[in-house]
Amino acid sequence: MKRVMFIGCPGAGKTTLSEKFAKKVGLPIVHLDHLFWKPGWVQRDKPEFEELVRAELAKDEWVIDGNYGITMEMRAARADTIVFLDFNRLFCVYRVIKRTLEQKYVQADGCPQKVDWEFINFILFDYPKRSRRVTLELMEKYPDITWYHLKGPSGVKRFMKEFEL
């Protein structure tokens, strides 16, 4: 395992798990949120973001956490392992609200955690229709990649036990 993707619904715990994993196996971590967002929640334009992602993918070793459908295919094509955190949407909404209230996680420099109805709507309705579907399609398209399909907290616990995280 040299190139590992962590993907899943916002609030599933991608960042937390990917950081623990990267530290344990000694791989550099790349958070897509840090590449996508400029301070003050300003989005990078698509070509600039894609170029930043390509630069990271060109490296021999990495752990990348985040969804961002516009780069999903290029990341999957380069990954040797994909960890898919497949959680209940309501649980994810709960965790996003909780981390917002606790301000435990900063998505990118100058971008404090926030939640709004648009983000909740994405988690509840858009993510399952688009992002989750794309992930399931990638599982079929790239059968030679090592996949870890973690279904809920129990799946994460098994993964953590396997890798002694």
N, C-alpha and C. Protein backbone atom coordinates (compact mmCIF):
# COMPACT_ATOMS: atom_id res chain seq x y z
N MET A 1 0.84 -1.18 0.00
CA MET A 1 0.00 0.00 0.00
C MET A 1 0.88 1.24 0.00
N LYS A 2 0.85 1.93 -1.13
CA LYS A 2 1.64 3.15 -1.24
C LYS A 2 0.79 4.35 -1.62
N ARG A 3 -0.36 4.09 -2.24
CA ARG A 3 -1.23 5.18 -2.69
C ARG A 3 -2.66 4.83 -2.27
N VAL A 4 -3.11 5.48 -1.21
CA VAL A 4 -4.37 5.10 -0.56
C VAL A 4 -5.34 6.27 -0.56
N MET A 5 -6.57 6.01 -1.03
CA MET A 5 -7.65 7.01 -1.02
C MET A 5 -8.61 6.69 0.12
N PHE A 6 -9.05 7.70 0.84
CA PHE A 6 -10.13 7.57 1.82
C PHE A 6 -11.28 8.41 1.30
N ILE A 7 -12.42 7.76 1.05
CA ILE A 7 -13.59 8.44 0.51
C ILE A 7 -14.82 8.06 1.32
N GLY A 8 -15.87 8.88 1.21
CA GLY A 8 -17.12 8.61 1.91
C GLY A 8 -17.86 9.91 2.18
N CYS A 9 -19.02 9.76 2.72
CA CYS A 9 -19.90 10.90 3.00
C CYS A 9 -19.24 11.87 3.97
N PRO A 10 -19.48 13.17 3.80
CA PRO A 10 -19.01 14.12 4.82
C PRO A 10 -19.51 13.69 6.20
N GLY A 11 -18.65 13.73 7.18
CA GLY A 11 -19.02 13.35 8.53
C GLY A 11 -18.78 11.88 8.85
N ALA A 12 -18.34 11.10 7.87
CA ALA A 12 -18.10 9.67 8.10
C ALA A 12 -16.81 9.42 8.88
N GLY A 13 -15.90 10.38 8.86
CA GLY A 13 -14.65 10.22 9.61
C GLY A 13 -13.43 9.98 8.74
N LYS A 14 -13.50 10.38 7.48
CA LYS A 14 -12.38 10.19 6.54
C LYS A 14 -11.10 10.83 7.04
N THR A 15 -11.19 12.06 7.47
CA THR A 15 -9.99 12.79 7.89
C THR A 15 -9.36 12.16 9.12
N THR A 16 -10.15 11.87 10.11
CA THR A 16 -9.64 11.27 11.35
C THR A 16 -8.98 9.93 11.06
N LEU A 17 -9.67 9.07 10.32
CA LEU A 17 -9.13 7.74 10.04
C LEU A 17 -7.91 7.80 9.13
N SER A 18 -7.97 8.64 8.12
CA SER A 18 -6.83 8.73 7.19
C SER A 18 -5.58 9.26 7.89
N GLU A 19 -5.75 10.20 8.81
CA GLU A 19 -4.59 10.72 9.55
C GLU A 19 -3.96 9.64 10.42
N LYS A 20 -4.80 8.86 11.11
CA LYS A 20 -4.28 7.77 11.94
C LYS A 20 -3.57 6.74 11.07
N PHE A 21 -4.18 6.40 9.95
CA PHE A 21 -3.61 5.41 9.04
C PHE A 21 -2.27 5.89 8.48
N ALA A 22 -2.24 7.11 7.98
CA ALA A 22 -1.01 7.66 7.39
C ALA A 22 0.13 7.68 8.40
N LYS A 23 -0.19 8.07 9.62
CA LYS A 23 0.84 8.11 10.67
C LYS A 23 1.36 6.70 10.95
N LYS A 24 0.46 5.75 11.04
CA LYS A 24 0.84 4.37 11.36
C LYS A 24 1.73 3.76 10.27
N VAL A 25 1.37 3.97 9.00
CA VAL A 25 2.13 3.33 7.91
C VAL A 25 3.25 4.22 7.36
N GLY A 26 3.34 5.45 7.86
CA GLY A 26 4.43 6.34 7.47
C GLY A 26 4.31 6.93 6.08
N LEU A 27 3.09 7.20 5.66
CA LEU A 27 2.86 7.82 4.36
C LEU A 27 2.44 9.27 4.54
N PRO A 28 2.78 10.14 3.59
CA PRO A 28 2.34 11.54 3.69
C PRO A 28 0.84 11.66 3.45
N ILE A 29 0.21 12.58 4.16
CA ILE A 29 -1.24 12.78 4.03
C ILE A 29 -1.53 14.02 3.19
N VAL A 30 -2.56 13.91 2.37
CA VAL A 30 -3.03 15.02 1.55
C VAL A 30 -4.53 15.15 1.80
N HIS A 31 -4.95 16.32 2.27
CA HIS A 31 -6.37 16.59 2.49
C HIS A 31 -6.88 17.41 1.31
N LEU A 32 -7.82 16.85 0.56
CA LEU A 32 -8.33 17.57 -0.61
C LEU A 32 -8.98 18.89 -0.23
N ASP A 33 -9.57 18.97 0.96
CA ASP A 33 -10.16 20.24 1.39
C ASP A 33 -9.11 21.35 1.40
N HIS A 34 -7.89 21.01 1.77
CA HIS A 34 -6.82 22.02 1.83
C HIS A 34 -6.40 22.47 0.43
N LEU A 35 -6.57 21.59 -0.55
CA LEU A 35 -6.24 21.96 -1.93
C LEU A 35 -7.37 22.74 -2.60
N PHE A 36 -8.60 22.42 -2.23
CA PHE A 36 -9.77 23.00 -2.89
C PHE A 36 -10.12 24.40 -2.38
N TRP A 37 -10.04 24.58 -1.07
CA TRP A 37 -10.49 25.84 -0.46
C TRP A 37 -9.35 26.81 -0.23
N LYS A 38 -9.59 28.05 -0.57
CA LYS A 38 -8.71 29.16 -0.20
C LYS A 38 -9.30 29.79 1.06
N PRO A 39 -8.54 30.60 1.79
CA PRO A 39 -9.07 31.23 3.00
C PRO A 39 -10.40 31.95 2.73
N GLY A 40 -11.28 31.89 3.73
CA GLY A 40 -12.58 32.55 3.62
C GLY A 40 -13.58 31.77 2.78
N TRP A 41 -13.37 30.48 2.64
CA TRP A 41 -14.27 29.61 1.89
C TRP A 41 -14.36 29.99 0.41
N VAL A 42 -13.26 30.41 -0.15
CA VAL A 42 -13.20 30.72 -1.59
C VAL A 42 -12.72 29.47 -2.32
N GLN A 43 -13.52 29.01 -3.29
CA GLN A 43 -13.16 27.82 -4.04
C GLN A 43 -12.09 28.12 -5.09
N ARG A 44 -11.17 27.19 -5.24
CA ARG A 44 -10.23 27.29 -6.37
C ARG A 44 -11.00 26.97 -7.64
N ASP A 45 -10.56 27.52 -8.76
CA ASP A 45 -11.22 27.15 -10.00
C ASP A 45 -10.82 25.72 -10.35
N LYS A 46 -11.64 25.07 -11.15
CA LYS A 46 -11.49 23.66 -11.46
C LYS A 46 -10.10 23.32 -12.02
N PRO A 47 -9.59 24.04 -13.03
CA PRO A 47 -8.27 23.68 -13.56
C PRO A 47 -7.14 23.78 -12.53
N GLU A 48 -7.20 24.81 -11.69
CA GLU A 48 -6.17 24.97 -10.66
C GLU A 48 -6.23 23.82 -9.65
N PHE A 49 -7.44 23.48 -9.21
CA PHE A 49 -7.62 22.38 -8.26
C PHE A 49 -7.13 21.06 -8.87
N GLU A 50 -7.54 20.80 -10.09
CA GLU A 50 -7.12 19.56 -10.75
C GLU A 50 -5.60 19.48 -10.89
N GLU A 51 -4.96 20.59 -11.17
CA GLU A 51 -3.50 20.60 -11.30
C GLU A 51 -2.84 20.31 -9.95
N LEU A 52 -3.37 20.87 -8.87
CA LEU A 52 -2.84 20.58 -7.54
C LEU A 52 -2.98 19.10 -7.20
N VAL A 53 -4.12 18.53 -7.55
CA VAL A 53 -4.34 17.10 -7.30
C VAL A 53 -3.38 16.26 -8.15
N ARG A 54 -3.25 16.59 -9.42
CA ARG A 54 -2.32 15.85 -10.29
C ARG A 54 -0.89 15.87 -9.74
N ALA A 55 -0.48 17.01 -9.20
CA ALA A 55 0.87 17.11 -8.63
C ALA A 55 1.04 16.14 -7.46
N GLU A 56 0.01 16.00 -6.64
CA GLU A 56 0.08 15.05 -5.52
C GLU A 56 0.06 13.62 -6.03
N LEU A 57 -0.77 13.35 -7.02
CA LEU A 57 -0.88 11.99 -7.57
C LEU A 57 0.41 11.53 -8.24
N ALA A 58 1.20 12.47 -8.73
CA ALA A 58 2.45 12.12 -9.40
C ALA A 58 3.50 11.57 -8.43
N LYS A 59 3.29 11.81 -7.16
CA LYS A 59 4.23 11.31 -6.15
C LYS A 59 4.05 9.80 -5.99
N ASP A 60 5.10 9.15 -5.52
CA ASP A 60 5.08 7.69 -5.38
C ASP A 60 4.23 7.19 -4.22
N GLU A 61 4.12 8.00 -3.17
CA GLU A 61 3.40 7.56 -1.98
C GLU A 61 2.52 8.67 -1.45
N TRP A 62 1.30 8.29 -1.03
CA TRP A 62 0.38 9.26 -0.45
C TRP A 62 -0.83 8.57 0.16
N VAL A 63 -1.45 9.28 1.07
CA VAL A 63 -2.79 8.97 1.55
C VAL A 63 -3.59 10.23 1.26
N ILE A 64 -4.68 10.10 0.52
CA ILE A 64 -5.51 11.25 0.15
C ILE A 64 -6.90 11.06 0.74
N ASP A 65 -7.37 12.08 1.45
CA ASP A 65 -8.73 11.99 1.97
C ASP A 65 -9.60 13.06 1.35
N GLY A 66 -10.82 12.66 1.00
CA GLY A 66 -11.79 13.58 0.43
C GLY A 66 -12.50 12.99 -0.77
N ASN A 67 -13.61 13.58 -1.11
CA ASN A 67 -14.41 13.09 -2.23
C ASN A 67 -14.09 13.84 -3.51
N TYR A 68 -14.71 14.99 -3.71
CA TYR A 68 -14.47 15.83 -4.89
C TYR A 68 -14.54 15.01 -6.18
N GLY A 69 -15.76 14.81 -6.64
CA GLY A 69 -16.03 13.99 -7.81
C GLY A 69 -15.25 14.35 -9.05
N ILE A 70 -14.89 15.63 -9.20
CA ILE A 70 -14.17 16.03 -10.42
C ILE A 70 -12.78 15.41 -10.50
N THR A 71 -12.26 14.91 -9.37
CA THR A 71 -10.94 14.26 -9.40
C THR A 71 -11.01 12.79 -8.98
N MET A 72 -12.20 12.28 -8.75
CA MET A 72 -12.35 10.90 -8.25
C MET A 72 -11.72 9.88 -9.21
N GLU A 73 -12.03 10.00 -10.47
CA GLU A 73 -11.54 9.03 -11.46
C GLU A 73 -10.01 9.06 -11.55
N MET A 74 -9.41 10.24 -11.62
CA MET A 74 -7.95 10.31 -11.73
C MET A 74 -7.27 9.77 -10.49
N ARG A 75 -7.88 9.97 -9.33
CA ARG A 75 -7.30 9.44 -8.10
C ARG A 75 -7.42 7.92 -8.05
N ALA A 76 -8.60 7.41 -8.42
CA ALA A 76 -8.81 5.96 -8.41
C ALA A 76 -7.87 5.26 -9.38
N ALA A 77 -7.64 5.88 -10.53
CA ALA A 77 -6.77 5.27 -11.54
C ALA A 77 -5.33 5.14 -11.03
N ARG A 78 -4.95 5.95 -10.09
CA ARG A 78 -3.57 5.95 -9.57
C ARG A 78 -3.45 5.21 -8.24
N ALA A 79 -4.55 5.04 -7.53
CA ALA A 79 -4.53 4.42 -6.20
C ALA A 79 -4.28 2.91 -6.30
N ASP A 80 -3.66 2.38 -5.25
CA ASP A 80 -3.58 0.92 -5.15
C ASP A 80 -4.55 0.40 -4.09
N THR A 81 -5.06 1.31 -3.26
CA THR A 81 -5.99 0.94 -2.20
C THR A 81 -7.00 2.06 -2.02
N ILE A 82 -8.27 1.67 -1.85
CA ILE A 82 -9.33 2.66 -1.58
C ILE A 82 -10.10 2.21 -0.34
N VAL A 83 -10.24 3.12 0.60
CA VAL A 83 -11.01 2.89 1.82
C VAL A 83 -12.28 3.71 1.70
N PHE A 84 -13.42 3.02 1.63
CA PHE A 84 -14.72 3.65 1.45
C PHE A 84 -15.50 3.58 2.75
N LEU A 85 -15.70 4.73 3.39
CA LEU A 85 -16.48 4.81 4.62
C LEU A 85 -17.94 5.01 4.23
N ASP A 86 -18.72 3.96 4.37
CA ASP A 86 -20.11 3.92 3.91
C ASP A 86 -21.03 3.96 5.13
N PHE A 87 -21.41 5.17 5.52
CA PHE A 87 -22.16 5.37 6.76
C PHE A 87 -23.59 5.83 6.49
N ASN A 88 -24.44 5.63 7.49
CA ASN A 88 -25.81 6.14 7.47
C ASN A 88 -25.77 7.67 7.37
N ARG A 89 -26.59 8.22 6.49
CA ARG A 89 -26.59 9.67 6.24
C ARG A 89 -26.96 10.48 7.48
N LEU A 90 -27.93 10.02 8.25
CA LEU A 90 -28.33 10.76 9.45
C LEU A 90 -27.19 10.79 10.47
N PHE A 91 -26.48 9.69 10.58
CA PHE A 91 -25.31 9.64 11.46
C PHE A 91 -24.27 10.66 11.01
N CYS A 92 -24.07 10.77 9.70
CA CYS A 92 -23.10 11.73 9.17
C CYS A 92 -23.53 13.17 9.44
N VAL A 93 -24.82 13.46 9.29
CA VAL A 93 -25.32 14.80 9.61
C VAL A 93 -25.05 15.11 11.08
N TYR A 94 -25.36 14.16 11.95
CA TYR A 94 -25.11 14.33 13.38
C TYR A 94 -23.64 14.67 13.63
N ARG A 95 -22.73 13.92 13.00
CA ARG A 95 -21.30 14.15 13.23
C ARG A 95 -20.83 15.48 12.67
N VAL A 96 -21.38 15.91 11.55
CA VAL A 96 -21.01 17.21 10.98
C VAL A 96 -21.46 18.33 11.92
N ILE A 97 -22.68 18.22 12.43
CA ILE A 97 -23.18 19.23 13.38
C ILE A 97 -22.32 19.23 14.64
N LYS A 98 -22.01 18.04 15.15
CA LYS A 98 -21.20 17.92 16.36
C LYS A 98 -19.81 18.55 16.17
N ARG A 99 -19.14 18.22 15.06
CA ARG A 99 -17.80 18.78 14.87
C ARG A 99 -17.84 20.28 14.63
N THR A 100 -18.95 20.77 14.07
CA THR A 100 -19.10 22.21 13.89
C THR A 100 -19.22 22.91 15.24
N LEU A 101 -20.04 22.35 16.10
CA LEU A 101 -20.22 22.94 17.43
C LEU A 101 -18.93 22.88 18.25
N GLU A 102 -18.19 21.79 18.09
CA GLU A 102 -16.94 21.63 18.85
C GLU A 102 -15.76 22.33 18.19
N GLN A 103 -15.91 22.70 16.91
CA GLN A 103 -14.83 23.33 16.13
C GLN A 103 -13.54 22.53 16.24
N LYS A 104 -13.67 21.19 16.10
CA LYS A 104 -12.51 20.31 16.21
C LYS A 104 -11.71 20.24 14.91
N TYR A 105 -12.33 20.57 13.82
CA TYR A 105 -11.71 20.33 12.51
C TYR A 105 -11.81 21.58 11.66
N VAL A 106 -10.68 22.02 11.12
CA VAL A 106 -10.67 23.15 10.20
C VAL A 106 -10.44 22.58 8.81
N GLN A 107 -11.39 22.81 7.90
CA GLN A 107 -11.30 22.19 6.58
C GLN A 107 -10.09 22.67 5.80
N ALA A 108 -9.75 23.92 5.93
CA ALA A 108 -8.58 24.47 5.26
C ALA A 108 -8.20 25.75 5.99
N ASP A 109 -7.00 26.25 5.74
CA ASP A 109 -6.57 27.48 6.39
C ASP A 109 -7.58 28.59 6.14
N GLY A 110 -8.00 29.25 7.21
CA GLY A 110 -8.94 30.35 7.07
C GLY A 110 -10.36 29.92 6.78
N CYS A 111 -10.67 28.64 7.00
CA CYS A 111 -12.01 28.11 6.73
C CYS A 111 -12.51 27.34 7.96
N PRO A 112 -13.01 28.04 8.96
CA PRO A 112 -13.51 27.33 10.14
C PRO A 112 -14.71 26.46 9.77
N GLN A 113 -14.86 25.36 10.51
CA GLN A 113 -15.95 24.43 10.25
C GLN A 113 -17.29 25.15 10.31
N LYS A 114 -18.16 24.85 9.37
CA LYS A 114 -19.50 25.43 9.37
C LYS A 114 -20.47 24.41 8.79
N VAL A 115 -21.72 24.63 9.08
CA VAL A 115 -22.76 23.77 8.53
C VAL A 115 -23.94 24.65 8.16
N ASP A 116 -24.54 24.36 7.03
CA ASP A 116 -25.74 25.08 6.62
C ASP A 116 -26.68 24.09 5.95
N TRP A 117 -27.87 24.56 5.59
CA TRP A 117 -28.87 23.66 5.00
C TRP A 117 -28.41 23.09 3.67
N GLU A 118 -27.64 23.84 2.93
CA GLU A 118 -27.13 23.34 1.65
C GLU A 118 -26.22 22.12 1.88
N PHE A 119 -25.37 22.20 2.89
CA PHE A 119 -24.47 21.10 3.19
C PHE A 119 -25.24 19.89 3.72
N ILE A 120 -26.21 20.13 4.60
CA ILE A 120 -27.04 19.04 5.11
C ILE A 120 -27.81 18.39 3.96
N ASN A 121 -28.34 19.19 3.06
CA ASN A 121 -29.05 18.66 1.89
C ASN A 121 -28.12 17.79 1.04
N PHE A 122 -26.87 18.23 0.88
CA PHE A 122 -25.90 17.43 0.13
C PHE A 122 -25.71 16.06 0.78
N ILE A 123 -25.53 16.05 2.10
CA ILE A 123 -25.31 14.78 2.81
C ILE A 123 -26.53 13.87 2.68
N LEU A 124 -27.71 14.43 2.88
CA LEU A 124 -28.92 13.62 2.89
C LEU A 124 -29.38 13.17 1.51
N PHE A 125 -29.23 14.02 0.51
CA PHE A 125 -29.84 13.72 -0.79
C PHE A 125 -28.86 13.64 -1.95
N ASP A 126 -27.96 14.60 -2.07
CA ASP A 126 -27.06 14.63 -3.23
C ASP A 126 -25.97 13.56 -3.14
N TYR A 127 -25.36 13.41 -1.98
CA TYR A 127 -24.29 12.42 -1.83
C TYR A 127 -24.76 11.02 -2.23
N PRO A 128 -25.90 10.53 -1.70
CA PRO A 128 -26.28 9.16 -2.08
C PRO A 128 -26.63 9.01 -3.56
N LYS A 129 -27.14 10.06 -4.17
CA LYS A 129 -27.51 9.97 -5.59
C LYS A 129 -26.30 10.01 -6.50
N ARG A 130 -25.30 10.80 -6.14
CA ARG A 130 -24.17 10.99 -7.05
C ARG A 130 -22.89 10.35 -6.53
N SER A 131 -22.36 10.87 -5.45
CA SER A 131 -21.03 10.45 -4.99
C SER A 131 -20.99 8.98 -4.60
N ARG A 132 -21.97 8.52 -3.83
CA ARG A 132 -21.98 7.12 -3.42
C ARG A 132 -22.12 6.21 -4.64
N ARG A 133 -22.97 6.59 -5.56
CA ARG A 133 -23.17 5.81 -6.78
C ARG A 133 -21.87 5.73 -7.58
N VAL A 134 -21.18 6.86 -7.72
CA VAL A 134 -19.90 6.88 -8.44
C VAL A 134 -18.89 5.95 -7.75
N THR A 135 -18.86 5.96 -6.44
CA THR A 135 -17.95 5.08 -5.70
C THR A 135 -18.25 3.62 -5.99
N LEU A 136 -19.52 3.25 -5.96
CA LEU A 136 -19.89 1.87 -6.24
C LEU A 136 -19.53 1.48 -7.67
N GLU A 137 -19.66 2.41 -8.60
CA GLU A 137 -19.25 2.16 -9.99
C GLU A 137 -17.74 1.98 -10.09
N LEU A 138 -16.98 2.76 -9.32
CA LEU A 138 -15.52 2.61 -9.31
C LEU A 138 -15.10 1.24 -8.79
N MET A 139 -15.85 0.71 -7.82
CA MET A 139 -15.54 -0.61 -7.29
C MET A 139 -15.62 -1.66 -8.40
N GLU A 140 -16.58 -1.50 -9.29
CA GLU A 140 -16.71 -2.43 -10.42
C GLU A 140 -15.65 -2.16 -11.48
N LYS A 141 -15.35 -0.90 -11.73
CA LYS A 141 -14.41 -0.52 -12.78
C LYS A 141 -12.96 -0.88 -12.44
N TYR A 142 -12.62 -0.82 -11.16
CA TYR A 142 -11.24 -1.07 -10.72
C TYR A 142 -11.19 -2.26 -9.74
N PRO A 143 -11.47 -3.47 -10.23
CA PRO A 143 -11.48 -4.62 -9.32
C PRO A 143 -10.10 -5.02 -8.82
N ASP A 144 -9.03 -4.56 -9.49
CA ASP A 144 -7.68 -4.92 -9.07
C ASP A 144 -7.15 -4.06 -7.92
N ILE A 145 -7.87 -2.99 -7.62
CA ILE A 145 -7.52 -2.15 -6.47
C ILE A 145 -7.97 -2.87 -5.20
N THR A 146 -7.20 -2.76 -4.15
CA THR A 146 -7.63 -3.30 -2.86
C THR A 146 -8.66 -2.34 -2.28
N TRP A 147 -9.85 -2.85 -2.05
CA TRP A 147 -10.96 -2.05 -1.52
C TRP A 147 -11.26 -2.46 -0.09
N TYR A 148 -11.46 -1.47 0.75
CA TYR A 148 -11.98 -1.68 2.10
C TYR A 148 -13.30 -0.93 2.17
N HIS A 149 -14.40 -1.68 2.19
CA HIS A 149 -15.73 -1.08 2.24
C HIS A 149 -16.19 -1.14 3.70
N LEU A 150 -16.02 -0.02 4.40
CA LEU A 150 -16.31 0.04 5.83
C LEU A 150 -17.74 0.51 6.04
N LYS A 151 -18.59 -0.42 6.45
CA LYS A 151 -20.01 -0.11 6.63
C LYS A 151 -20.27 0.27 8.08
N GLY A 152 -20.28 1.56 8.33
CA GLY A 152 -20.58 2.07 9.65
C GLY A 152 -19.42 1.96 10.63
N PRO A 153 -19.67 2.38 11.87
CA PRO A 153 -18.62 2.38 12.89
C PRO A 153 -18.01 1.00 13.13
N SER A 154 -18.81 -0.06 13.00
CA SER A 154 -18.26 -1.41 13.23
C SER A 154 -17.22 -1.76 12.16
N GLY A 155 -17.45 -1.32 10.93
CA GLY A 155 -16.47 -1.54 9.86
C GLY A 155 -15.18 -0.79 10.12
N VAL A 156 -15.31 0.42 10.64
CA VAL A 156 -14.13 1.22 10.98
C VAL A 156 -13.35 0.55 12.11
N LYS A 157 -14.06 0.02 13.10
CA LYS A 157 -13.39 -0.65 14.22
C LYS A 157 -12.59 -1.86 13.73
N ARG A 158 -13.18 -2.64 12.81
CA ARG A 158 -12.46 -3.79 12.26
C ARG A 158 -11.20 -3.34 11.50
N PHE A 159 -11.34 -2.27 10.71
CA PHE A 159 -10.21 -1.73 9.95
C PHE A 159 -9.12 -1.26 10.91
N MET A 160 -9.51 -0.55 11.95
CA MET A 160 -8.54 -0.04 12.92
C MET A 160 -7.83 -1.20 13.63
N LYS A 161 -8.57 -2.24 13.93
CA LYS A 161 -7.96 -3.40 14.58
C LYS A 161 -6.97 -4.08 13.63
N GLU A 162 -7.36 -4.23 12.36
CA GLU A 162 -6.49 -4.88 11.37
C GLU A 162 -5.16 -4.14 11.23
N PHE A 163 -5.21 -2.81 11.26
CA PHE A 163 -4.00 -2.01 11.07
C PHE A 163 -3.42 -1.50 12.38
N GLU A 164 -3.99 -1.96 13.49
CA GLU A 164 -3.51 -1.58 14.83
C GLU A 164 -3.45 -0.07 15.00
N LEU A 165 -4.54 0.60 14.63
CA LEU A 165 -4.61 2.07 14.73
C LEU A 165 -5.13 2.49 16.10
